[in-house]
Amino acid sequence: MKKVRLSYRKSTRMIGSDVAVMAQFKRSMESDNEKRKRLNAPIAKYDVKSKRAYLEYPDGRKIYAHET
């Protein structure tokens, strides 16, 4: 039996519909975050430097995931 090697090339180019979906997603998240601010609810965020998720409360404090 002959082995077949498949290769996949990762595409970084976005097509028009991808751009529209990303724009809608960004608007949706901004709207949700504004609503959470009005309700004094925490906002889930991600710290790229430390690579950890955290909740940011309206008073400015941050509680990182798995931190008690």
Protein backbone atom coordinates (compact mmCIF):
# COMPACT_ATOMS: atom_id res chain seq x y z
CA MET A 1 0.00 0.00 0.00
CA LYS A 2 1.37 3.40 -0.97
CA LYS A 3 1.61 6.05 1.78
CA VAL A 4 0.08 9.40 0.99
CA ARG A 5 1.53 12.47 2.61
CA LEU A 6 -0.83 15.36 3.12
CA SER A 7 0.40 18.83 3.75
CA TYR A 8 -1.68 21.73 4.90
CA ARG A 9 -0.66 25.32 4.47
CA LYS A 10 -1.86 27.70 7.14
CA SER A 11 -3.47 30.70 5.52
CA THR A 12 -3.19 34.05 7.26
CA ARG A 13 -5.17 35.87 4.61
CA MET A 14 -8.73 36.74 5.52
CA ILE A 15 -11.51 36.81 2.97
CA GLY A 16 -14.33 39.35 2.99
CA SER A 17 -16.76 37.28 5.03
CA ASP A 18 -14.07 36.63 7.69
CA VAL A 19 -13.46 40.36 8.03
CA ALA A 20 -17.18 40.99 8.45
CA VAL A 21 -17.49 38.27 11.10
CA MET A 22 -14.47 39.61 13.02
CA ALA A 23 -15.85 43.17 12.91
CA GLN A 24 -19.25 42.00 14.20
CA PHE A 25 -17.59 39.96 16.95
CA LYS A 26 -15.53 42.97 18.07
CA ARG A 27 -18.62 45.21 18.17
CA SER A 28 -20.49 42.54 20.12
CA MET A 29 -17.71 42.23 22.73
CA GLU A 30 -17.43 46.02 23.10
CA SER A 31 -21.19 46.24 23.62
CA ASP A 32 -21.12 43.44 26.20
CA ASN A 33 -18.22 45.07 28.08
CA GLU A 34 -20.05 48.42 28.19
CA LYS A 35 -23.14 46.67 29.59
CA ARG A 36 -21.03 44.94 32.26
CA LYS A 37 -19.52 48.29 33.26
CA ARG A 38 -23.01 49.80 33.69
CA LEU A 39 -24.04 46.82 35.82
CA ASN A 40 -20.82 46.94 37.90
CA ALA A 41 -20.03 43.39 36.83
CA PRO A 42 -16.50 42.05 36.26
CA ILE A 43 -15.11 41.78 32.72
CA ALA A 44 -13.16 38.69 31.66
CA LYS A 45 -9.83 39.59 30.04
CA TYR A 46 -6.55 37.93 29.05
CA ASP A 47 -3.06 39.12 30.00
CA VAL A 48 -0.82 38.44 27.00
CA LYS A 49 2.41 38.99 28.95
CA SER A 50 1.69 36.50 31.72
CA LYS A 51 -0.56 34.34 29.49
CA ARG A 52 -3.29 34.17 32.13
CA ALA A 53 -6.99 34.97 32.19
CA TYR A 54 -8.36 37.37 34.79
CA LEU A 55 -11.47 39.24 35.86
CA GLU A 56 -11.26 43.03 35.99
CA TYR A 57 -13.70 44.59 38.43
CA PRO A 58 -15.16 48.11 38.09
CA ASP A 59 -13.00 49.33 41.01
CA GLY A 60 -9.86 48.38 39.02
CA ARG A 61 -8.76 45.27 40.88
CA LYS A 62 -7.77 42.17 38.92
CA ILE A 63 -8.31 38.60 40.05
CA TYR A 64 -6.34 36.09 37.99
CA ALA A 65 -7.72 32.63 37.24
CA HIS A 66 -6.84 29.95 39.79
CA GLU A 67 -5.95 32.61 42.34
CA THR A 68 -7.76 32.61 45.65
